[in-house]
Amino acid sequence: MQQYNSLQLARAQHAWLTIGSFDGLHAGHQQIIKELTAGAHAQGAPAVVLTFDPHPAEVLRGPLKDYYLYEPDEKAELFAGLGVDMLISHPFDDQVRNTSARQFIEQVHSRLDIDKLWIGHDFALGHDREGNFDTLRRFGAELGFSVHQMPPVRVDGQVVSSTLIRTALAAGDVSLAERLLGRRYTLAGTVTSGAQRGRTIGIPTANLKVPERRLVPASGVYVTWAWLGGQRLPSVTNIGLRPTFEDGTLAPVVETHILDYAGDEFYDQPLKLEFVSRLRGEQKFAGVDALLAQIRIDIEQARATLT
């Protein structure tokens, strides 16, 4: 897959194109990409995705914490897996924000020679979102491309959206998030050293440092798969402030205990967590012994789930 970090660097002929933020690349987004790539490849045309970084919401509202569902490199890997031929991650700024729909589409068409434009059911672009389906069809008739609008995808009777996924994760419902995403939610980052209390009580953990803008699920204990050193390993992950220790932690900590893992040289290593289910909310225990007893129960429940 070809990748460009600006529209001005890209060039294509007879492109089948879709445009959007694609935060989460959820089940609805995937339906668009699958039909786009299948149709484009059947015609010998390139399947092209034009997305934006940062997310337009960040330009409109300012820096965002606990918002992004994926980082650009993670999304790129997902797009490649769906058969996309060209991915353009165009910088979104005030200039783009204030560009009219016509001007933006003309810029895109001059670079990509659009044959077909695929959009979602609620898509609009340009200043004041003036570039809706009807407007884009009119532009397409003038410039020589067709516009195909996909109907919404529903899960459990609800229209799939990134907002709905964020709401599910904020409530700790990683199972619903999985159904909406069409895959398990993941967090990726680097292992950092923590207070090392887990090691002193016989439950060593890997602390995961994730970008501030990434959405971390609600505080609680989760069954997870941990990807470390090319291996997928069973694990239990705690997210929260560790109230039993009352150490003044102000921001949630993501710490993972990898089941039956003999190694301990994982500091500064990349780690990805794949969330399977939530076991319980975060609790404050009377002491370390009570905490240990519950952790052992959590471990056995996780082992049973992953087996």
Protein backbone atom coordinates (compact mmCIF):
# COMPACT_ATOMS: atom_id res chain seq x y z
CA MET A 1 0.00 0.00 0.00
CA GLN A 2 1.28 3.44 -0.94
CA GLN A 3 1.13 6.05 1.83
CA TYR A 4 1.28 9.83 1.61
CA ASN A 5 1.07 12.42 4.38
CA SER A 6 -0.42 15.09 2.12
CA LEU A 7 -2.83 15.21 -0.81
CA GLN A 8 -0.31 17.35 -2.69
CA LEU A 9 2.14 14.43 -2.76
CA ALA A 10 -0.31 11.89 -4.17
CA ARG A 11 -1.25 11.18 -7.74
CA ALA A 12 -3.61 8.56 -9.20
CA GLN A 13 -5.67 7.87 -12.31
CA HIS A 14 -9.34 6.83 -12.29
CA ALA A 15 -9.36 6.46 -8.52
CA TRP A 16 -12.15 4.86 -6.57
CA LEU A 17 -12.07 7.06 -3.50
CA THR A 18 -13.54 7.37 -0.03
CA ILE A 19 -12.99 10.29 2.34
CA GLY A 20 -13.37 10.47 6.10
CA SER A 21 -11.75 10.53 9.51
CA PHE A 22 -12.28 6.78 9.92
CA ASP A 23 -11.51 6.95 13.62
CA GLY A 24 -11.93 3.36 14.75
CA LEU A 25 -12.33 1.99 11.23
CA HIS A 26 -15.44 0.30 12.64
CA ALA A 27 -17.91 -2.13 11.08
CA GLY A 28 -19.63 0.63 9.09
CA HIS A 29 -16.33 1.97 7.75
CA GLN A 30 -15.22 -1.55 6.88
CA GLN A 31 -18.34 -2.13 4.79
CA ILE A 32 -17.49 0.95 2.72
CA ILE A 33 -13.85 -0.09 2.28
CA LYS A 34 -14.70 -3.68 1.36
CA GLU A 35 -17.16 -2.69 -1.35
CA LEU A 36 -14.87 0.08 -2.59
CA THR A 37 -11.82 -2.17 -2.92
CA ALA A 38 -13.78 -5.05 -4.48
CA GLY A 39 -15.30 -2.79 -7.11
CA ALA A 40 -12.07 -0.92 -7.82
CA HIS A 41 -9.99 -4.06 -8.22
CA ALA A 42 -12.61 -5.64 -10.48
CA GLN A 43 -12.18 -2.61 -12.77
CA GLY A 44 -8.40 -2.47 -12.44
CA ALA A 45 -8.66 0.86 -10.63
CA PRO A 46 -6.82 1.98 -7.49
CA ALA A 47 -8.74 1.90 -4.19
CA VAL A 48 -7.82 5.15 -2.42
CA VAL A 49 -8.59 6.41 1.09
CA LEU A 50 -8.23 10.07 2.00
CA THR A 51 -8.24 10.61 5.75
CA PHE A 52 -7.09 13.33 8.12
CA ASP A 53 -4.67 13.82 11.00
CA PRO A 54 -5.26 15.35 13.43
CA HIS A 55 -8.94 14.44 13.75
CA PRO A 56 -11.10 17.42 12.68
CA ALA A 57 -12.63 17.48 16.17
CA GLU A 58 -9.23 18.44 17.58
CA VAL A 59 -9.03 21.50 15.33
CA LEU A 60 -12.57 22.48 16.26
CA ARG A 61 -12.28 21.88 20.04
CA GLY A 62 -8.57 22.00 20.84
CA PRO A 63 -6.29 19.17 22.11
CA LEU A 64 -8.25 16.03 23.00
CA LYS A 65 -7.50 13.45 25.69
CA ASP A 66 -9.01 9.96 25.82
CA TYR A 67 -10.56 10.41 22.38
CA TYR A 68 -8.66 8.69 19.59
CA LEU A 69 -9.50 5.04 18.98
CA TYR A 70 -6.36 4.41 16.90
CA GLU A 71 -3.09 6.11 16.04
CA PRO A 72 -2.31 6.74 12.33
CA ASP A 73 0.13 3.83 12.04
CA GLU A 74 -2.43 1.44 13.55
CA LYS A 75 -5.10 2.63 11.11
CA ALA A 76 -2.69 2.28 8.20
CA GLU A 77 -2.11 -1.37 9.10
CA LEU A 78 -5.87 -1.96 9.18
CA PHE A 79 -6.41 -0.23 5.83
CA ALA A 80 -3.68 -2.32 4.24
CA GLY A 81 -5.33 -5.46 5.56
CA LEU A 82 -8.59 -4.42 3.85
CA GLY A 83 -6.89 -4.16 0.45
CA VAL A 84 -6.53 -0.39 0.12
CA ASP A 85 -3.97 0.56 -2.54
CA MET A 86 -3.27 4.15 -1.49
CA LEU A 87 -3.71 5.88 1.86
CA ILE A 88 -3.47 9.68 2.09
CA SER A 89 -3.33 11.15 5.61
CA HIS A 90 -3.87 14.82 4.89
CA PRO A 91 -3.14 17.42 7.62
CA PHE A 92 -6.37 18.93 8.90
CA ASP A 93 -6.01 22.58 9.92
CA ASP A 94 -7.95 25.84 9.84
CA GLN A 95 -7.22 26.27 6.14
CA VAL A 96 -8.80 22.90 5.32
CA ARG A 97 -11.61 23.59 7.78
CA ASN A 98 -12.55 26.80 5.96
CA THR A 99 -12.20 25.42 2.42
CA SER A 100 -15.49 25.18 0.55
CA ALA A 101 -16.75 21.76 -0.49
CA ARG A 102 -16.39 22.61 -4.18
CA GLN A 103 -12.84 23.86 -3.82
CA PHE A 104 -11.79 20.84 -1.80
CA ILE A 105 -13.33 18.34 -4.22
CA GLU A 106 -11.72 20.13 -7.16
CA GLN A 107 -8.34 19.87 -5.42
CA VAL A 108 -8.86 16.17 -4.77
CA HIS A 109 -10.08 15.48 -8.30
CA SER A 110 -7.08 17.28 -9.83
CA ARG A 111 -4.74 14.90 -7.97
CA LEU A 112 -6.65 11.62 -8.10
CA ASP A 113 -8.83 11.81 -11.25
CA ILE A 114 -11.82 10.41 -9.36
CA ASP A 115 -14.05 7.87 -11.11
CA LYS A 116 -16.20 6.93 -8.11
CA LEU A 117 -16.58 8.53 -4.68
CA TRP A 118 -17.90 6.35 -1.85
CA ILE A 119 -19.32 8.00 1.25
CA GLY A 120 -21.10 7.00 4.44
CA HIS A 121 -24.77 7.66 5.20
CA ASP A 122 -24.06 10.80 7.26
CA PHE A 123 -21.04 12.12 5.37
CA ALA A 124 -20.47 15.79 4.59
CA LEU A 125 -17.33 17.81 3.90
CA GLY A 126 -16.23 21.38 3.40
CA HIS A 127 -16.94 24.57 5.30
CA ASP A 128 -20.16 24.25 7.34
CA ARG A 129 -20.48 20.65 6.06
CA GLU A 130 -22.00 21.96 2.85
CA GLY A 131 -20.72 19.02 0.80
CA ASN A 132 -23.52 16.51 1.48
CA PHE A 133 -24.66 13.68 -0.78
CA ASP A 134 -26.81 15.81 -3.08
CA THR A 135 -24.13 18.51 -3.40
CA LEU A 136 -21.42 15.97 -4.12
CA ARG A 137 -23.56 14.29 -6.77
CA ARG A 138 -23.95 17.66 -8.48
CA PHE A 139 -20.19 18.20 -8.37
CA GLY A 140 -19.66 14.70 -9.69
CA ALA A 141 -21.96 15.30 -12.65
CA GLU A 142 -19.92 18.38 -13.52
CA LEU A 143 -16.48 16.84 -13.01
CA GLY A 144 -17.14 13.35 -14.33
CA PHE A 145 -17.40 11.04 -11.32
CA SER A 146 -20.25 9.20 -9.64
CA VAL A 147 -21.09 9.21 -5.93
CA HIS A 148 -22.22 6.11 -4.06
CA GLN A 149 -23.68 6.50 -0.56
CA MET A 150 -23.64 3.49 1.75
CA PRO A 151 -26.54 2.82 4.13
CA PRO A 152 -25.82 2.68 7.87
CA VAL A 153 -24.63 -0.55 9.48
CA ARG A 154 -26.49 -1.57 12.65
CA VAL A 155 -25.37 -3.67 15.60
CA ASP A 156 -27.84 -4.60 18.32
CA GLY A 157 -30.31 -2.28 16.62
CA GLN A 158 -28.02 0.76 16.86
CA VAL A 159 -26.29 2.58 14.01
CA VAL A 160 -22.55 1.94 14.34
CA SER A 161 -20.53 5.08 15.00
CA SER A 162 -17.23 6.08 16.58
CA THR A 163 -19.21 8.04 19.19
CA LEU A 164 -21.10 4.90 20.20
CA ILE A 165 -17.81 3.01 20.51
CA ARG A 166 -16.33 5.74 22.71
CA THR A 167 -19.42 5.58 24.94
CA ALA A 168 -19.11 1.80 25.26
CA LEU A 169 -15.42 1.98 26.17
CA ALA A 170 -16.02 4.79 28.66
CA ALA A 171 -18.46 2.41 30.38
CA GLY A 172 -15.98 -0.49 30.24
CA ASP A 173 -18.18 -2.45 27.82
CA VAL A 174 -15.38 -3.84 25.66
CA SER A 175 -17.68 -6.61 24.40
CA LEU A 176 -20.05 -4.08 22.82
CA ALA A 177 -17.06 -2.14 21.48
CA GLU A 178 -15.82 -5.34 19.83
CA ARG A 179 -19.15 -5.90 18.09
CA LEU A 180 -19.23 -2.31 16.85
CA LEU A 181 -15.61 -2.34 15.72
CA GLY A 182 -15.74 -5.78 14.14
CA ARG A 183 -12.58 -6.61 16.10
CA ARG A 184 -11.38 -6.42 19.68
CA TYR A 185 -10.32 -3.03 20.96
CA THR A 186 -6.58 -2.67 21.41
CA LEU A 187 -4.18 -0.35 23.20
CA ALA A 188 -0.57 -0.15 22.08
CA GLY A 189 2.38 1.56 23.69
CA THR A 190 5.68 1.05 25.46
CA VAL A 191 6.32 -0.83 28.71
CA THR A 192 7.56 1.53 31.41
CA SER A 193 8.74 0.94 34.94
CA GLY A 194 6.16 1.54 37.67
CA ALA A 195 6.16 1.33 41.46
CA GLN A 196 7.01 -2.42 41.13
CA ARG A 197 4.55 -3.34 43.89
CA GLY A 198 3.32 -6.23 41.78
CA ARG A 199 6.74 -7.82 41.86
CA THR A 200 6.94 -7.54 45.67
CA ILE A 201 3.59 -9.33 46.12
CA GLY A 202 4.35 -12.01 43.53
CA ILE A 203 2.17 -10.59 40.74
CA PRO A 204 4.59 -8.75 38.42
CA THR A 205 2.98 -6.35 35.97
CA ALA A 206 3.97 -4.47 32.83
CA ASN A 207 2.91 -0.84 32.88
CA LEU A 208 1.77 0.36 29.47
CA LYS A 209 2.43 3.96 28.47
CA VAL A 210 -0.11 5.05 25.88
CA PRO A 211 -0.47 8.44 24.16
CA GLU A 212 -2.68 10.85 26.13
CA ARG A 213 -5.04 11.26 23.20
CA ARG A 214 -5.82 7.51 23.05
CA LEU A 215 -9.08 6.42 24.63
CA VAL A 216 -8.45 4.11 27.60
CA PRO A 217 -11.39 1.94 28.71
CA ALA A 218 -13.07 2.63 32.06
CA SER A 219 -11.27 1.71 35.27
CA GLY A 220 -11.56 -1.97 36.10
CA VAL A 221 -10.06 -5.40 35.57
CA TYR A 222 -10.08 -6.94 32.10
CA VAL A 223 -9.28 -10.24 30.44
CA THR A 224 -6.75 -9.44 27.72
CA TRP A 225 -4.31 -10.89 25.25
CA ALA A 226 -0.89 -9.24 25.46
CA TRP A 227 1.23 -9.04 22.31
CA LEU A 228 4.85 -8.92 23.36
CA GLY A 229 7.94 -9.87 21.38
CA GLY A 230 5.84 -11.33 18.57
CA GLN A 231 3.90 -13.59 20.93
CA ARG A 232 0.25 -13.45 21.96
CA LEU A 233 0.13 -14.16 25.69
CA PRO A 234 -2.83 -14.52 28.08
CA SER A 235 -3.06 -11.70 30.58
CA VAL A 236 -5.13 -9.78 33.12
CA THR A 237 -5.12 -5.99 32.85
CA ASN A 238 -5.99 -3.48 35.55
CA ILE A 239 -6.88 0.09 34.67
CA GLY A 240 -7.25 2.60 37.45
CA LEU A 241 -5.83 4.56 40.35
CA ARG A 242 -4.86 1.57 42.57
CA PRO A 243 -6.95 2.79 45.54
CA THR A 244 -5.78 0.03 47.90
CA PHE A 245 -2.30 1.54 47.98
CA GLU A 246 -3.43 5.19 48.24
CA ASP A 247 -0.25 6.36 46.53
CA GLY A 248 -1.70 9.58 45.17
CA THR A 249 -1.99 8.37 41.58
CA LEU A 250 -3.88 11.05 39.67
CA ALA A 251 -4.27 9.48 36.22
CA PRO A 252 -5.39 5.92 35.46
CA VAL A 253 -2.56 3.41 35.15
CA VAL A 254 -2.72 0.56 32.65
CA GLU A 255 -0.87 -2.44 34.10
CA THR A 256 -0.90 -6.00 32.83
CA HIS A 257 -0.03 -9.28 34.51
CA ILE A 258 0.99 -11.80 31.85
CA LEU A 259 -0.02 -15.29 32.93
CA ASP A 260 2.76 -17.84 33.34
CA TYR A 261 5.35 -15.49 31.82
CA ALA A 262 8.85 -16.29 33.05
CA GLY A 263 10.69 -13.33 31.52
CA ASP A 264 11.02 -9.90 33.05
CA GLU A 265 13.04 -8.01 30.45
CA PHE A 266 10.16 -6.18 28.82
CA TYR A 267 10.88 -2.60 29.85
CA ASP A 268 10.96 -0.17 26.91
CA GLN A 269 9.48 -2.89 24.69
CA PRO A 270 6.38 -2.36 22.52
CA LEU A 271 3.27 -3.98 23.98
CA LYS A 272 -0.24 -4.25 22.58
CA LEU A 273 -3.26 -5.24 24.65
CA GLU A 274 -6.30 -6.86 23.07
CA PHE A 275 -9.38 -6.48 25.31
CA VAL A 276 -11.55 -9.59 25.56
CA SER A 277 -13.95 -8.91 28.45
CA ARG A 278 -14.35 -6.97 31.69
CA LEU A 279 -14.24 -8.92 34.93
CA ARG A 280 -15.13 -6.20 37.45
CA GLY A 281 -14.79 -2.57 38.36
CA GLU A 282 -11.88 -1.21 40.33
CA GLN A 283 -12.16 -1.82 44.07
CA LYS A 284 -10.46 -0.67 47.24
CA PHE A 285 -9.52 -3.60 49.49
CA ALA A 286 -8.88 -3.68 53.23
CA GLY A 287 -5.28 -4.68 52.66
CA VAL A 288 -2.77 -6.49 50.46
CA ASP A 289 -3.98 -9.97 51.49
CA ALA A 290 -7.55 -9.23 50.41
CA LEU A 291 -6.27 -7.71 47.17
CA LEU A 292 -4.11 -10.77 46.48
CA ALA A 293 -7.04 -13.11 47.06
CA GLN A 294 -9.14 -11.22 44.50
CA ILE A 295 -6.27 -11.07 42.01
CA ARG A 296 -5.94 -14.85 42.15
CA ILE A 297 -9.66 -15.15 41.42
CA ASP A 298 -9.27 -12.70 38.51
CA ILE A 299 -6.39 -14.74 37.12
CA GLU A 300 -8.36 -17.98 37.21
CA GLN A 301 -11.36 -16.33 35.57
CA ALA A 302 -9.12 -14.93 32.85
CA ARG A 303 -7.47 -18.29 32.33
CA ALA A 304 -10.89 -19.96 31.95
CA THR A 305 -12.07 -17.26 29.52
CA LEU A 306 -8.99 -17.47 27.30
CA THR A 307 -8.83 -21.25 27.34
